Amino acid sequence: MNERGMTLVEVVVALCLFALLATGLMGLFLSGRVATAASSNKQEALCLARALMEAVKASPVEWEGEVQGAGPDYVVLEDKASDQDDAYKGFYLAIIEGAGQGQVRKIQSYDGSSHTAYVAPPWDTAPDTSSRYLIFRLERELPDTSKVAVTAEPSSQQGLEKVTVTVRYRTLWGVREVQLSGERRKGI
């Protein structure tokens, strides 16, 4: 009888070859997952930037003005702002020019008699009377206002201003950002 099977050496060699192949495939799989996650984060940041730009462009000119005073967690709006308490509660306030430029905060409460909007989290750099603000409404909650910036600068066209929205997101290679620019009618 001539029965031949695999020897122990042949089995070990076959297992080693399989292990090498599996290790290579696993590395390829993990690299693909990292690239997919990075692409997903960028896509999410881009969608958020688009939503912010639309909200900023849709904001009425009555919701922007010059800061009349500020503190670590509040800002005093112009007299043209609403006299109704909590009129802007849940809205977002962006400092688009001057001290504290780019910061976006959620309005927690609003005192209509003093035109004071209380924001959270506190300002990194408090705005002052050189600052301009813009209030806008966003349908979805901002996950982290420190990762978002809204700025404005004069446009080449009369009566318009260039608005830039920046959203930062994390990848394995560090923090990246998506930036969108557009023009809107300037209120003041």
C-alpha atoms as a PDB file:
ATOM      1  CA  MET A   1       0.000   0.000   0.000  1.00  0.00           C
ATOM      2  CA  ASN A   2       1.255   3.324  -0.993  1.00  0.00           C
ATOM      3  CA  GLU A   3      -0.660   5.879   1.070  1.00  0.00           C
ATOM      4  CA  ARG A   4       0.911   9.254   1.046  1.00  0.00           C
ATOM      5  CA  GLY A   5      -0.107  12.106   3.281  1.00  0.00           C
ATOM      6  CA  MET A   6       1.413  15.458   4.045  1.00  0.00           C
ATOM      7  CA  THR A   7       4.376  15.505   6.307  1.00  0.00           C
ATOM      8  CA  LEU A   8       4.620  17.793   9.283  1.00  0.00           C
ATOM      9  CA  VAL A   9       7.132  19.982   7.454  1.00  0.00           C
ATOM     10  CA  GLU A  10       4.766  20.490   4.532  1.00  0.00           C
ATOM     11  CA  VAL A  11       1.906  21.440   6.881  1.00  0.00           C
ATOM     12  CA  VAL A  12       4.091  23.964   8.734  1.00  0.00           C
ATOM     13  CA  VAL A  13       5.279  25.530   5.446  1.00  0.00           C
ATOM     14  CA  ALA A  14       1.676  25.801   4.209  1.00  0.00           C
ATOM     15  CA  LEU A  15       0.569  27.444   7.474  1.00  0.00           C
ATOM     16  CA  CYS A  16       3.472  29.938   7.304  1.00  0.00           C
ATOM     17  CA  LEU A  17       2.561  30.894   3.735  1.00  0.00           C
ATOM     18  CA  PHE A  18      -1.088  31.324   4.745  1.00  0.00           C
ATOM     19  CA  ALA A  19      -0.067  33.488   7.746  1.00  0.00           C
ATOM     20  CA  LEU A  20       2.050  35.759   5.514  1.00  0.00           C
ATOM     21  CA  LEU A  21      -0.784  36.123   3.041  1.00  0.00           C
ATOM     22  CA  ALA A  22      -3.331  36.803   5.818  1.00  0.00           C
ATOM     23  CA  THR A  23      -1.058  39.434   7.411  1.00  0.00           C
ATOM     24  CA  GLY A  24      -0.725  41.282   4.107  1.00  0.00           C
ATOM     25  CA  LEU A  25      -4.452  41.167   3.494  1.00  0.00           C
ATOM     26  CA  MET A  26      -5.184  42.373   7.037  1.00  0.00           C
ATOM     27  CA  GLY A  27      -2.847  45.358   6.543  1.00  0.00           C
ATOM     28  CA  LEU A  28      -4.585  46.189   3.285  1.00  0.00           C
ATOM     29  CA  PHE A  29      -7.990  45.920   4.966  1.00  0.00           C
ATOM     30  CA  LEU A  30      -6.955  48.224   7.837  1.00  0.00           C
ATOM     31  CA  SER A  31      -5.501  50.808   5.434  1.00  0.00           C
ATOM     32  CA  GLY A  32      -8.788  50.796   3.556  1.00  0.00           C
ATOM     33  CA  ARG A  33     -10.737  51.367   6.766  1.00  0.00           C
ATOM     34  CA  VAL A  34      -8.520  54.327   7.734  1.00  0.00           C
ATOM     35  CA  ALA A  35      -8.921  55.906   4.295  1.00  0.00           C
ATOM     36  CA  THR A  36     -12.689  55.376   4.413  1.00  0.00           C
ATOM     37  CA  ALA A  37     -12.940  56.947   7.883  1.00  0.00           C
ATOM     38  CA  ALA A  38     -10.895  59.976   6.777  1.00  0.00           C
ATOM     39  CA  SER A  39     -13.092  60.396   3.719  1.00  0.00           C
ATOM     40  CA  SER A  40     -16.217  60.081   5.865  1.00  0.00           C
ATOM     41  CA  ASN A  41     -14.983  62.766   8.291  1.00  0.00           C
ATOM     42  CA  LYS A  42     -14.210  65.104   5.401  1.00  0.00           C
ATOM     43  CA  GLN A  43     -17.640  64.497   3.876  1.00  0.00           C
ATOM     44  CA  GLU A  44     -19.335  65.204   7.212  1.00  0.00           C
ATOM     45  CA  ALA A  45     -17.331  68.434   7.617  1.00  0.00           C
ATOM     46  CA  LEU A  46     -18.246  69.514   4.091  1.00  0.00           C
ATOM     47  CA  CYS A  47     -21.960  68.898   4.721  1.00  0.00           C
ATOM     48  CA  LEU A  48     -21.767  70.921   7.943  1.00  0.00           C
ATOM     49  CA  ALA A  49     -19.934  73.757   6.145  1.00  0.00           C
ATOM     50  CA  ARG A  50     -22.632  73.842   3.459  1.00  0.00           C
ATOM     51  CA  ALA A  51     -25.410  73.935   6.062  1.00  0.00           C
ATOM     52  CA  LEU A  52     -23.633  76.754   7.912  1.00  0.00           C
ATOM     53  CA  MET A  53     -23.129  78.758   4.717  1.00  0.00           C
ATOM     54  CA  GLU A  54     -26.798  78.426   3.809  1.00  0.00           C
ATOM     55  CA  ALA A  55     -27.869  79.476   7.316  1.00  0.00           C
ATOM     56  CA  VAL A  56     -25.529  82.481   7.284  1.00  0.00           C
ATOM     57  CA  LYS A  57     -26.647  83.593   3.822  1.00  0.00           C
ATOM     58  CA  ALA A  58     -30.323  83.202   4.803  1.00  0.00           C
ATOM     59  CA  SER A  59     -29.907  85.260   7.974  1.00  0.00           C
ATOM     60  CA  PRO A  60     -31.868  88.543   7.767  1.00  0.00           C
ATOM     61  CA  VAL A  61     -29.881  91.780   7.897  1.00  0.00           C
ATOM     62  CA  GLU A  62     -31.678  92.696  11.139  1.00  0.00           C
ATOM     63  CA  TRP A  63     -29.784  89.865  12.837  1.00  0.00           C
ATOM     64  CA  GLU A  64     -26.375  91.438  12.355  1.00  0.00           C
ATOM     65  CA  GLY A  65     -24.759  94.494  13.839  1.00  0.00           C
ATOM     66  CA  GLU A  66     -21.963  95.957  15.889  1.00  0.00           C
ATOM     67  CA  VAL A  67     -21.256  94.637  19.370  1.00  0.00           C
ATOM     68  CA  GLN A  68     -22.254  97.231  21.987  1.00  0.00           C
ATOM     69  CA  GLY A  69     -20.522  95.467  24.868  1.00  0.00           C
ATOM     70  CA  ALA A  70     -19.393  91.997  25.898  1.00  0.00           C
ATOM     71  CA  GLY A  71     -18.173  89.807  28.711  1.00  0.00           C
ATOM     72  CA  PRO A  72     -16.817  86.291  29.079  1.00  0.00           C
ATOM     73  CA  ASP A  73     -20.156  84.658  28.216  1.00  0.00           C
ATOM     74  CA  TYR A  74     -22.400  87.390  26.823  1.00  0.00           C
ATOM     75  CA  VAL A  75     -22.628  90.035  24.134  1.00  0.00           C
ATOM     76  CA  VAL A  76     -24.799  93.164  23.996  1.00  0.00           C
ATOM     77  CA  LEU A  77     -26.503  93.564  20.622  1.00  0.00           C
ATOM     78  CA  GLU A  78     -27.557  96.735  18.813  1.00  0.00           C
ATOM     79  CA  ASP A  79     -30.847  98.455  19.691  1.00  0.00           C
ATOM     80  CA  LYS A  80     -32.446  97.120  16.491  1.00  0.00           C
ATOM     81  CA  ALA A  81     -32.314  93.597  18.000  1.00  0.00           C
ATOM     82  CA  SER A  82     -35.541  92.086  19.308  1.00  0.00           C
ATOM     83  CA  ASP A  83     -37.061  93.402  22.553  1.00  0.00           C
ATOM     84  CA  GLN A  84     -38.629  89.999  23.291  1.00  0.00           C
ATOM     85  CA  ASP A  85     -36.971  87.788  25.913  1.00  0.00           C
ATOM     86  CA  ASP A  86     -35.427  84.573  24.537  1.00  0.00           C
ATOM     87  CA  ALA A  87     -36.158  85.699  20.960  1.00  0.00           C
ATOM     88  CA  TYR A  88     -32.809  84.245  19.846  1.00  0.00           C
ATOM     89  CA  LYS A  89     -32.592  81.331  22.290  1.00  0.00           C
ATOM     90  CA  GLY A  90     -31.161  78.270  20.527  1.00  0.00           C
ATOM     91  CA  PHE A  91     -29.794  80.350  17.637  1.00  0.00           C
ATOM     92  CA  TYR A  92     -26.076  80.775  16.953  1.00  0.00           C
ATOM     93  CA  LEU A  93     -24.068  83.979  17.195  1.00  0.00           C
ATOM     94  CA  ALA A  94     -20.904  84.450  15.131  1.00  0.00           C
ATOM     95  CA  ILE A  95     -18.362  87.220  15.611  1.00  0.00           C
ATOM     96  CA  ILE A  96     -17.597  87.954  11.954  1.00  0.00           C
ATOM     97  CA  GLU A  97     -15.230  90.930  12.323  1.00  0.00           C
ATOM     98  CA  GLY A  98     -13.054  92.570  14.976  1.00  0.00           C
ATOM     99  CA  ALA A  99     -11.934  91.173  18.321  1.00  0.00           C
ATOM    100  CA  GLY A 100     -12.859  87.507  18.681  1.00  0.00           C
ATOM    101  CA  GLN A 101     -13.409  87.155  14.927  1.00  0.00           C
ATOM    102  CA  GLY A 102     -14.473  83.709  13.734  1.00  0.00           C
ATOM    103  CA  GLN A 103     -15.941  82.457  17.015  1.00  0.00           C
ATOM    104  CA  VAL A 104     -19.388  80.851  16.926  1.00  0.00           C
ATOM    105  CA  ARG A 105     -21.422  80.265  20.079  1.00  0.00           C
ATOM    106  CA  LYS A 106     -24.921  79.018  20.849  1.00  0.00           C
ATOM    107  CA  ILE A 107     -27.259  81.547  22.456  1.00  0.00           C
ATOM    108  CA  GLN A 108     -28.489  80.034  25.740  1.00  0.00           C
ATOM    109  CA  SER A 109     -30.766  82.916  26.716  1.00  0.00           C
ATOM    110  CA  TYR A 110     -31.594  86.426  25.591  1.00  0.00           C
ATOM    111  CA  ASP A 111     -32.680  89.450  27.639  1.00  0.00           C
ATOM    112  CA  GLY A 112     -34.779  91.624  25.339  1.00  0.00           C
ATOM    113  CA  SER A 113     -34.779  94.721  27.566  1.00  0.00           C
ATOM    114  CA  SER A 114     -30.972  94.986  27.608  1.00  0.00           C
ATOM    115  CA  HIS A 115     -30.440  93.261  24.217  1.00  0.00           C
ATOM    116  CA  THR A 116     -27.996  90.866  25.884  1.00  0.00           C
ATOM    117  CA  ALA A 117     -27.367  87.403  24.436  1.00  0.00           C
ATOM    118  CA  TYR A 118     -25.831  84.882  26.845  1.00  0.00           C
ATOM    119  CA  VAL A 119     -23.744  82.278  25.047  1.00  0.00           C
ATOM    120  CA  ALA A 120     -22.073  78.949  25.764  1.00  0.00           C
ATOM    121  CA  PRO A 121     -19.315  77.983  25.892  1.00  0.00           C
ATOM    122  CA  PRO A 122     -17.591  81.205  27.037  1.00  0.00           C
ATOM    123  CA  TRP A 123     -15.614  83.225  24.493  1.00  0.00           C
ATOM    124  CA  ASP A 124     -11.984  82.264  23.894  1.00  0.00           C
ATOM    125  CA  THR A 125     -11.329  85.931  23.090  1.00  0.00           C
ATOM    126  CA  ALA A 126     -14.086  88.266  24.222  1.00  0.00           C
ATOM    127  CA  PRO A 127     -15.523  90.510  21.504  1.00  0.00           C
ATOM    128  CA  ASP A 128     -15.521  94.267  22.008  1.00  0.00           C
ATOM    129  CA  THR A 129     -17.046  97.325  20.356  1.00  0.00           C
ATOM    130  CA  SER A 130     -14.791  96.814  17.304  1.00  0.00           C
ATOM    131  CA  SER A 131     -16.568  93.503  16.629  1.00  0.00           C
ATOM    132  CA  ARG A 132     -19.470  92.721  14.316  1.00  0.00           C
ATOM    133  CA  TYR A 133     -21.901  89.908  15.067  1.00  0.00           C
ATOM    134  CA  LEU A 134     -24.240  87.803  12.975  1.00  0.00           C
ATOM    135  CA  ILE A 135     -27.066  85.684  14.372  1.00  0.00           C
ATOM    136  CA  PHE A 136     -28.222  82.682  12.395  1.00  0.00           C
ATOM    137  CA  ARG A 137     -30.531  79.727  12.862  1.00  0.00           C
ATOM    138  CA  LEU A 138     -29.283  76.217  12.185  1.00  0.00           C
ATOM    139  CA  GLU A 139     -31.632  73.249  11.881  1.00  0.00           C
ATOM    140  CA  ARG A 140     -29.169  70.828  13.432  1.00  0.00           C
ATOM    141  CA  GLU A 141     -27.086  71.115  16.566  1.00  0.00           C
ATOM    142  CA  LEU A 142     -23.426  72.019  16.124  1.00  0.00           C
ATOM    143  CA  PRO A 143     -21.418  69.177  17.692  1.00  0.00           C
ATOM    144  CA  ASP A 144     -18.538  71.419  18.779  1.00  0.00           C
ATOM    145  CA  THR A 145     -18.539  75.181  18.178  1.00  0.00           C
ATOM    146  CA  SER A 146     -14.757  75.353  18.625  1.00  0.00           C
ATOM    147  CA  LYS A 147     -14.360  73.463  15.336  1.00  0.00           C
ATOM    148  CA  VAL A 148     -16.346  76.059  13.386  1.00  0.00           C
ATOM    149  CA  ALA A 149     -15.462  79.616  12.306  1.00  0.00           C
ATOM    150  CA  VAL A 150     -17.482  82.223  10.402  1.00  0.00           C
ATOM    151  CA  THR A 151     -15.795  85.409   9.163  1.00  0.00           C
ATOM    152  CA  ALA A 152     -16.704  88.267   6.825  1.00  0.00           C
ATOM    153  CA  GLU A 153     -14.759  90.816   4.832  1.00  0.00           C
ATOM    154  CA  PRO A 154     -15.657  93.458   2.259  1.00  0.00           C
ATOM    155  CA  SER A 155     -16.499  92.222  -1.223  1.00  0.00           C
ATOM    156  CA  SER A 156     -15.557  93.780  -4.536  1.00  0.00           C
ATOM    157  CA  GLN A 157     -19.258  94.403  -5.167  1.00  0.00           C
ATOM    158  CA  GLN A 158     -21.083  97.298  -3.521  1.00  0.00           C
ATOM    159  CA  GLY A 159     -23.411  96.215  -0.700  1.00  0.00           C
ATOM    160  CA  LEU A 160     -22.040  92.672  -0.490  1.00  0.00           C
ATOM    161  CA  GLU A 161     -19.572  91.008   1.826  1.00  0.00           C
ATOM    162  CA  LYS A 162     -17.518  87.856   1.424  1.00  0.00           C
ATOM    163  CA  VAL A 163     -18.390  85.296   4.091  1.00  0.00           C
ATOM    164  CA  THR A 164     -16.057  82.385   4.840  1.00  0.00           C
ATOM    165  CA  VAL A 165     -17.138  79.298   6.786  1.00  0.00           C
ATOM    166  CA  THR A 166     -14.423  77.001   8.131  1.00  0.00           C
ATOM    167  CA  VAL A 167     -15.031  73.567   9.677  1.00  0.00           C
ATOM    168  CA  ARG A 168     -12.148  71.634  11.245  1.00  0.00           C
ATOM    169  CA  TYR A 169     -12.128  67.839  11.507  1.00  0.00           C
ATOM    170  CA  ARG A 170      -9.714  65.189  12.788  1.00  0.00           C
ATOM    171  CA  THR A 171      -7.893  62.542  10.810  1.00  0.00           C
ATOM    172  CA  LEU A 172      -5.114  60.141  11.737  1.00  0.00           C
ATOM    173  CA  TRP A 173      -2.729  62.648  10.178  1.00  0.00           C
ATOM    174  CA  GLY A 174      -3.888  65.596  12.285  1.00  0.00           C
ATOM    175  CA  VAL A 175      -6.517  68.306  12.065  1.00  0.00           C
ATOM    176  CA  ARG A 176      -7.707  69.295   8.600  1.00  0.00           C
ATOM    177  CA  GLU A 177     -10.252  71.906   7.545  1.00  0.00           C
ATOM    178  CA  VAL A 178     -12.895  72.518   4.928  1.00  0.00           C
ATOM    179  CA  GLN A 179     -13.482  76.125   3.906  1.00  0.00           C
ATOM    180  CA  LEU A 180     -16.362  77.572   1.886  1.00  0.00           C
ATOM    181  CA  SER A 181     -16.707  81.188   0.761  1.00  0.00           C
ATOM    182  CA  GLY A 182     -19.680  83.044  -0.622  1.00  0.00           C
ATOM    183  CA  GLU A 183     -21.204  86.503  -0.771  1.00  0.00           C
ATOM    184  CA  ARG A 184     -24.157  87.837   1.155  1.00  0.00           C
ATOM    185  CA  ARG A 185     -25.913  91.172   1.406  1.00  0.00           C
ATOM    186  CA  LYS A 186     -24.263  93.330   4.034  1.00  0.00           C
ATOM    187  CA  GLY A 187     -26.672  94.740   6.595  1.00  0.00           C
ATOM    188  CA  ILE A 188     -24.526  97.555   7.994  1.00  0.00           C
END
